[in-house]
């Protein structure tokens, strides 16, 4: 089914973003759903992703394309779809603000009562929105709805964990997460499922209530910030997983998940937030701190609150080796820094010395 062409509408011509959910719901000019695609140099797969959104059987949505100062044909592709369909809006950042900040930016520009992040290289089935909305409209306690996931390769053909890989990227068993008890009434069970039991966090690409997202800090520009965001959402309500595979998650070498696999956690932390370059960083300790903060700020009290701290203890136990390595790497960095200041000029020691000298620590 082809998208119906409408009169073009630029991002600057629409009503501005608002945090007031009541205003969003009362204003009939606002769409029910916003699908936001944050993209940087996505010319290879962007058209397919856009078409899969515009071909939805449910029509009351806007598609917001947030271009992170791309240098390829991304801008031209986005402008083409703006001219074709008035449901498409386009925003271009004047400079690259990083992955996490662009994910946040696309939500900040959104107007829908429901919101969904979509990667520029992923695909959704035509009935994805209608199926998710039917569940969420029927049960206000559901804060996020997703479907089963089909992992596909560069050409869009299904690939399977343990059977095939795609350009040397190992495909994890993403649908193992389908059995996670994220629809439990217990906040402890939900939090443990996300922080301790999950093998990936593709739930972040599900359909999410806007008012729930407004209660979180969104993405924090650190490794596993998607896990922390999902943990915060799990403390707000239940997740629902549709039995059908309506979401195709693509695996290829140019995506951020591949970068994360190639980098150490320290390098990945700097890639996500360049402001951390040259500073002492403890990525796994930051995960623990953010999880503790999420529990501390949650509305739960008494036994429920204690159970959440028990979950945090289990996460610490799971990450104990990585937490220890963070401390060792930090100590070595301090020694290297002291040595440079006493014996050599500051630029005499390569920035990657720690990673080259102690590769097994990371």
Protein backbone atom coordinates (compact mmCIF):
# COMPACT_ATOMS: atom_id res chain seq x y z
CA UNK A 1 0.00 0.00 0.00
CA UNK A 2 1.48 3.31 -1.04
CA UNK A 3 1.41 6.41 1.12
CA UNK A 4 -1.24 8.95 0.12
CA UNK A 5 0.36 12.22 -0.95
CA UNK A 6 -0.66 15.34 0.96
CA UNK A 7 0.33 18.97 0.86
CA UNK A 8 3.89 19.36 2.17
CA UNK A 9 4.39 20.53 5.73
CA UNK A 10 7.79 21.51 7.11
CA UNK A 11 8.78 21.06 10.74
CA UNK A 12 8.82 24.80 11.32
CA UNK A 13 5.19 25.09 10.20
CA UNK A 14 3.72 22.86 12.91
CA UNK A 15 2.74 23.62 16.48
CA UNK A 16 5.69 23.37 18.89
CA UNK A 17 6.49 20.51 21.22
CA UNK A 18 4.77 20.60 24.61
CA UNK A 19 5.19 18.68 27.86
CA UNK A 20 1.52 19.27 28.72
CA UNK A 21 -0.13 15.91 28.02
CA UNK A 22 -3.64 17.31 28.56
CA UNK A 23 -2.99 19.89 25.85
CA UNK A 24 -1.71 17.18 23.53
CA UNK A 25 -4.84 15.09 24.09
CA UNK A 26 -7.27 18.00 23.74
CA UNK A 27 -5.77 19.52 20.59
CA UNK A 28 -7.21 17.69 17.60
CA UNK A 29 -4.36 18.94 15.41
CA UNK A 30 -1.96 16.69 17.28
CA UNK A 31 -1.66 13.11 16.01
CA UNK A 32 -2.35 10.14 18.25
CA UNK A 33 1.10 8.66 17.62
CA UNK A 34 4.55 10.00 16.80
CA UNK A 35 7.13 7.72 15.24
CA UNK A 36 10.57 9.30 15.52
CA UNK A 37 13.52 8.23 13.38
CA UNK A 38 16.83 9.71 14.56
CA UNK A 39 19.30 9.29 11.72
CA UNK A 40 22.89 10.05 10.78
CA UNK A 41 24.18 9.14 7.31
CA UNK A 42 21.40 6.62 6.81
CA UNK A 43 20.97 6.78 3.03
CA UNK A 44 21.41 3.01 2.59
CA UNK A 45 18.31 1.92 4.53
CA UNK A 46 16.30 5.06 5.31
CA UNK A 47 13.82 4.75 2.43
CA UNK A 48 12.81 1.23 3.49
CA UNK A 49 12.28 2.34 7.08
CA UNK A 50 10.17 5.35 6.03
CA UNK A 51 8.04 3.27 3.67
CA UNK A 52 7.34 0.70 6.38
CA UNK A 53 6.02 3.50 8.60
CA UNK A 54 3.94 5.22 5.92
CA UNK A 55 2.35 1.88 4.98
CA UNK A 56 0.70 1.48 8.40
CA UNK A 57 -2.97 0.52 8.35
CA UNK A 58 -3.48 2.98 11.23
CA UNK A 59 -3.24 6.50 9.87
CA UNK A 60 -3.39 8.98 12.78
CA UNK A 61 0.36 9.40 13.23
CA UNK A 62 3.22 11.69 12.35
CA UNK A 63 6.64 10.54 11.22
CA UNK A 64 9.39 12.76 12.56
CA UNK A 65 12.80 12.50 10.91
CA UNK A 66 15.60 13.96 13.04
CA UNK A 67 18.78 14.33 10.98
CA UNK A 68 21.97 14.55 13.04
CA UNK A 69 23.84 16.74 10.51
CA UNK A 70 24.28 13.95 7.97
CA UNK A 71 26.85 14.35 5.20
CA UNK A 72 25.34 11.85 2.73
CA UNK A 73 21.97 11.92 0.91
CA UNK A 74 19.91 11.61 4.11
CA UNK A 75 18.66 15.23 3.96
CA UNK A 76 17.55 14.87 0.33
CA UNK A 77 15.68 11.65 1.09
CA UNK A 78 13.92 13.25 4.08
CA UNK A 79 12.91 16.33 2.07
CA UNK A 80 11.54 14.09 -0.67
CA UNK A 81 9.15 12.41 1.78
CA UNK A 82 8.16 15.74 3.35
CA UNK A 83 6.98 16.83 -0.10
CA UNK A 84 5.10 13.57 -0.65
CA UNK A 85 3.23 13.14 2.64
CA UNK A 86 2.12 15.76 5.18
CA UNK A 87 2.45 13.26 8.01
CA UNK A 88 6.22 13.51 7.57
CA UNK A 89 8.16 16.21 9.43
CA UNK A 90 11.88 16.87 9.12
CA UNK A 91 14.30 18.47 11.54
CA UNK A 92 18.04 18.85 10.94
CA UNK A 93 20.44 19.53 13.79
CA UNK A 94 22.97 22.26 12.86
CA UNK A 95 25.74 19.98 14.17
CA UNK A 96 26.08 16.37 15.23
CA UNK A 97 24.88 16.16 18.84
CA UNK A 98 25.60 12.46 19.34
CA UNK A 99 23.39 9.39 19.26
CA UNK A 100 21.73 9.63 22.68
CA UNK A 101 21.02 13.35 22.44
CA UNK A 102 19.48 12.89 19.00
CA UNK A 103 17.25 10.14 20.38
CA UNK A 104 16.12 12.60 23.04
CA UNK A 105 15.74 15.42 20.51
CA UNK A 106 13.33 13.50 18.31
CA UNK A 107 11.09 12.87 21.34
CA UNK A 108 11.28 16.53 22.37
CA UNK A 109 9.97 17.52 18.93
CA UNK A 110 7.14 14.97 19.02
CA UNK A 111 3.46 15.70 19.66
CA UNK A 112 1.71 12.35 19.90
CA UNK A 113 0.02 10.82 22.93
CA UNK A 114 2.04 7.71 22.12
CA UNK A 115 5.64 7.65 20.93
CA UNK A 116 7.85 5.12 19.19
CA UNK A 117 11.54 5.36 18.39
CA UNK A 118 12.42 3.69 15.10
CA UNK A 119 15.92 3.02 13.81
CA UNK A 120 16.61 4.17 10.25
CA UNK A 121 17.50 0.60 9.27
CA UNK A 122 14.65 -1.32 10.94
CA UNK A 123 11.21 -2.23 9.58
CA UNK A 124 7.71 -2.62 11.02
CA UNK A 125 4.76 -4.55 9.59
CA UNK A 126 1.72 -2.60 8.30
CA UNK A 127 -0.39 -3.59 11.33
CA UNK A 128 2.25 -2.76 13.95
CA UNK A 129 0.66 0.46 15.22
CA UNK A 130 -2.92 -0.78 15.12
CA UNK A 131 -2.01 -3.95 17.03
CA UNK A 132 -0.04 -2.11 19.73
CA UNK A 133 -2.64 0.61 20.13
CA UNK A 134 -5.44 -1.91 20.59
CA UNK A 135 -3.62 -3.32 23.62
CA UNK A 136 -2.62 0.00 25.15
CA UNK A 137 -5.99 1.68 24.70
CA UNK A 138 -7.66 -1.27 26.43
CA UNK A 139 -5.30 -1.30 29.44
CA UNK A 140 -3.96 2.01 30.83
CA UNK A 141 -1.47 0.14 33.05
CA UNK A 142 0.50 -0.95 29.98
CA UNK A 143 3.23 1.66 29.46
CA UNK A 144 4.97 -0.08 26.54
CA UNK A 145 3.83 -2.51 23.87
CA UNK A 146 6.15 -4.40 21.55
CA UNK A 147 5.95 -7.42 19.26
CA UNK A 148 8.04 -10.49 18.67
CA UNK A 149 11.17 -9.62 16.70
CA UNK A 150 12.62 -10.99 13.48
CA UNK A 151 16.34 -10.35 13.06
CA UNK A 152 17.25 -9.60 9.45
CA UNK A 153 20.53 -9.01 7.66
CA UNK A 154 21.79 -6.27 5.40
CA UNK A 155 19.56 -7.40 2.53
CA UNK A 156 16.48 -7.68 4.74
CA UNK A 157 16.45 -11.49 4.80
CA UNK A 158 15.89 -13.31 8.12
CA UNK A 159 18.97 -14.53 9.98
CA UNK A 160 19.06 -16.64 13.10
CA UNK A 161 21.24 -16.85 16.18
CA UNK A 162 23.53 -19.86 16.11
CA UNK A 163 22.83 -20.46 12.42
CA UNK A 164 24.18 -17.44 10.61
CA UNK A 165 25.92 -14.17 11.24
CA UNK A 166 25.87 -10.99 9.22
CA UNK A 167 29.16 -9.32 8.31
CA UNK A 168 30.78 -10.88 11.40
CA UNK A 169 28.15 -9.38 13.73
CA UNK A 170 26.92 -12.03 16.14
CA UNK A 171 23.12 -12.16 16.22
CA UNK A 172 21.85 -12.63 19.75
CA UNK A 173 18.71 -14.58 20.50
CA UNK A 174 16.54 -11.48 20.81
CA UNK A 175 13.33 -13.42 21.10
CA UNK A 176 14.61 -15.12 24.24
CA UNK A 177 13.44 -11.90 25.86
CA UNK A 178 9.87 -12.60 24.79
CA UNK A 179 9.45 -14.93 27.75
CA UNK A 180 10.57 -12.30 30.24
CA UNK A 181 7.78 -11.53 32.75
CA UNK A 182 7.57 -7.84 31.89
CA UNK A 183 3.78 -7.88 32.22
CA UNK A 184 4.02 -8.91 35.88
CA UNK A 185 2.20 -6.88 38.51
CA UNK A 186 5.37 -6.97 40.63
CA UNK A 187 7.82 -4.08 40.10
CA UNK A 188 10.63 -6.32 41.39
CA UNK A 189 9.94 -8.96 38.76
CA UNK A 190 9.82 -6.38 35.98
CA UNK A 191 12.98 -4.59 37.10
CA UNK A 192 14.90 -7.86 37.44
CA UNK A 193 13.76 -8.93 33.98
CA UNK A 194 15.22 -5.77 32.43
CA UNK A 195 18.41 -5.32 34.46
CA UNK A 196 19.47 -8.88 35.31
CA UNK A 197 17.81 -11.31 32.91
CA UNK A 198 17.54 -9.50 29.56
CA UNK A 199 20.10 -10.17 26.81
CA UNK A 200 19.23 -7.04 24.84
CA UNK A 201 16.94 -4.05 25.21
CA UNK A 202 15.12 -3.79 21.89
CA UNK A 203 11.95 -3.14 23.89
CA UNK A 204 13.02 0.51 23.67
CA UNK A 205 11.69 0.43 20.08
CA UNK A 206 8.20 -0.46 21.26
CA UNK A 207 5.21 1.90 21.40
CA UNK A 208 5.42 3.93 24.63
CA UNK A 209 3.04 6.26 26.43
CA UNK A 210 4.19 9.86 26.23
CA UNK A 211 3.28 10.63 29.83
CA UNK A 212 5.48 7.74 31.00
CA UNK A 213 8.47 8.97 28.99
CA UNK A 214 8.04 12.46 30.43
CA UNK A 215 8.66 10.98 33.89
CA UNK A 216 12.12 9.75 32.87
CA UNK A 217 15.39 11.54 31.99
CA UNK A 218 15.33 9.69 28.61
CA UNK A 219 18.72 8.58 27.25
CA UNK A 220 21.77 9.50 29.31
CA UNK A 221 24.64 9.20 26.79
CA UNK A 222 26.39 6.33 28.58
CA UNK A 223 26.64 2.58 27.83
CA UNK A 224 23.39 0.76 28.67
CA UNK A 225 21.40 3.99 28.88
CA UNK A 226 18.67 2.12 26.99
CA UNK A 227 18.57 -0.47 29.79
CA UNK A 228 18.25 2.25 32.42
CA UNK A 229 15.45 3.97 30.48
CA UNK A 230 13.58 0.67 30.20
CA UNK A 231 14.15 0.02 33.91
CA UNK A 232 12.60 3.39 34.71
CA UNK A 233 9.62 2.61 32.48
CA UNK A 234 9.27 -0.83 34.09
CA UNK A 235 8.99 0.91 37.46
CA UNK A 236 6.09 2.93 36.06
CA UNK A 237 4.03 0.07 34.66
CA UNK A 238 3.81 -3.16 32.71
CA UNK A 239 5.08 -4.09 29.24
CA UNK A 240 3.10 -6.19 26.77
CA UNK A 241 4.54 -8.35 23.99
CA UNK A 242 2.41 -9.22 20.96
CA UNK A 243 2.78 -12.85 19.80
CA UNK A 244 3.28 -11.87 16.14
CA UNK A 245 6.65 -10.88 14.65
CA UNK A 246 5.80 -7.36 13.49
CA UNK A 247 9.25 -5.79 13.95
CA UNK A 248 12.34 -6.57 11.86
CA UNK A 249 15.62 -5.58 13.51
CA UNK A 250 18.44 -5.29 11.00
CA UNK A 251 22.04 -6.24 11.78
CA UNK A 252 24.95 -4.78 9.80
CA UNK A 253 28.44 -3.45 10.42
CA UNK A 254 27.63 0.27 10.21
CA UNK A 255 25.16 0.42 13.12
CA UNK A 256 25.91 1.60 16.65
CA UNK A 257 25.36 -1.86 18.14
CA UNK A 258 28.27 -3.10 16.01
CA UNK A 259 30.46 -0.27 17.25
CA UNK A 260 29.61 -1.25 20.80
CA UNK A 261 30.70 -4.83 20.12
CA UNK A 262 34.01 -3.71 18.61
CA UNK A 263 34.85 -1.17 21.34
CA UNK A 264 35.67 -1.67 24.98
CA UNK A 265 33.11 -0.23 27.38
CA UNK A 266 35.48 2.68 28.04
CA UNK A 267 35.87 3.45 24.35
CA UNK A 268 32.13 3.06 23.77
CA UNK A 269 31.40 5.45 26.64
CA UNK A 270 33.60 8.08 24.99
CA UNK A 271 31.97 7.44 21.60
CA UNK A 272 28.55 8.05 23.16
CA UNK A 273 29.73 11.13 25.05
CA UNK A 274 32.95 12.73 23.71
CA UNK A 275 32.97 15.08 26.73
CA UNK A 276 34.31 12.13 28.74
CA UNK A 277 37.50 11.89 26.68
CA UNK A 278 40.56 12.33 28.89
CA UNK A 279 38.53 11.87 32.08
CA UNK A 280 38.39 8.99 34.53
CA UNK A 281 35.30 6.99 33.70
CA UNK A 282 33.76 3.96 35.36
CA UNK A 283 31.06 2.79 32.93
CA UNK A 284 29.77 -0.18 34.92
CA UNK A 285 29.70 1.82 38.14
CA UNK A 286 27.68 4.46 36.30
CA UNK A 287 25.12 1.80 35.37
CA UNK A 288 24.83 0.79 39.03
CA UNK A 289 24.54 4.42 40.13
CA UNK A 290 21.79 5.16 37.60
CA UNK A 291 19.87 2.05 38.61
CA UNK A 292 20.15 3.03 42.28
CA UNK A 293 18.94 6.53 41.46
CA UNK A 294 15.96 5.14 39.53
CA UNK A 295 14.95 3.01 42.50
CA UNK A 296 15.50 5.86 44.95
CA UNK A 297 13.28 8.20 42.93
CA UNK A 298 10.51 5.65 42.31
CA UNK A 299 7.16 5.97 44.07
CA UNK A 300 7.40 2.58 45.78
CA UNK A 301 7.68 2.28 49.55
CA UNK A 302 8.15 -0.39 52.19
CA UNK A 303 8.54 -4.00 51.08
CA UNK A 304 8.30 -3.11 47.40
CA UNK A 305 11.16 -0.64 47.73
CA UNK A 306 13.31 -3.16 49.60
CA UNK A 307 12.68 -5.74 46.88
CA UNK A 308 13.95 -3.28 44.27
CA UNK A 309 17.21 -2.85 46.19
CA UNK A 310 17.48 -6.65 46.26
CA UNK A 311 17.29 -6.54 42.48
CA UNK A 312 20.08 -3.95 42.46
CA UNK A 313 22.20 -6.29 44.60
CA UNK A 314 21.70 -9.03 42.00
CA UNK A 315 22.79 -6.65 39.25
CA UNK A 316 25.93 -5.79 41.23
CA UNK A 317 26.66 -9.51 41.62
CA UNK A 318 26.19 -10.00 37.87
CA UNK A 319 28.59 -7.16 37.03
CA UNK A 320 31.11 -7.71 39.84
CA UNK A 321 34.00 -8.66 37.53
CA UNK A 322 33.37 -5.65 35.30
CA UNK A 323 33.10 -3.37 38.32
CA UNK A 324 36.47 -4.61 39.52
CA UNK A 325 38.02 -4.06 36.09
CA UNK A 326 36.68 -0.50 36.07
CA UNK A 327 38.54 0.17 39.31
CA UNK A 328 41.77 -1.40 38.02
CA UNK A 329 41.62 0.57 34.78
CA UNK A 330 40.93 3.76 36.73
CA UNK A 331 43.94 3.10 38.97
CA UNK A 332 46.19 2.46 35.97
CA UNK A 333 44.94 5.65 34.34
CA UNK A 334 45.83 7.59 37.48
CA UNK A 335 49.33 6.08 37.52
CA UNK A 336 49.82 6.83 33.83
CA UNK A 337 48.58 10.38 34.36
CA UNK A 338 50.96 10.92 37.27
CA UNK A 339 53.84 9.45 35.29
CA UNK A 340 53.23 11.75 32.36
CA UNK A 341 53.16 14.83 34.56
CA UNK A 342 56.49 13.96 36.20
CA UNK A 343 58.59 12.30 33.52
CA UNK A 344 57.27 13.22 30.06
CA UNK A 345 55.45 15.93 28.19
CA UNK A 346 51.69 15.57 28.19
CA UNK A 347 51.53 14.61 24.51
CA UNK A 348 54.25 11.97 24.67
CA UNK A 349 51.95 9.13 25.73
CA UNK A 350 49.30 7.97 23.23
CA UNK A 351 45.72 8.31 24.39
CA UNK A 352 45.08 4.60 23.75
CA UNK A 353 48.11 3.39 25.76
CA UNK A 354 45.94 1.93 28.47
CA UNK A 355 43.91 -0.07 25.95
CA UNK A 356 46.95 -1.28 24.01
CA UNK A 357 48.93 -2.25 27.10
CA UNK A 358 46.17 -3.94 29.05
CA UNK A 359 43.72 -5.34 26.46
CA UNK A 360 42.58 -8.20 28.69
CA UNK A 361 41.25 -5.81 31.27
CA UNK A 362 38.61 -4.57 28.87
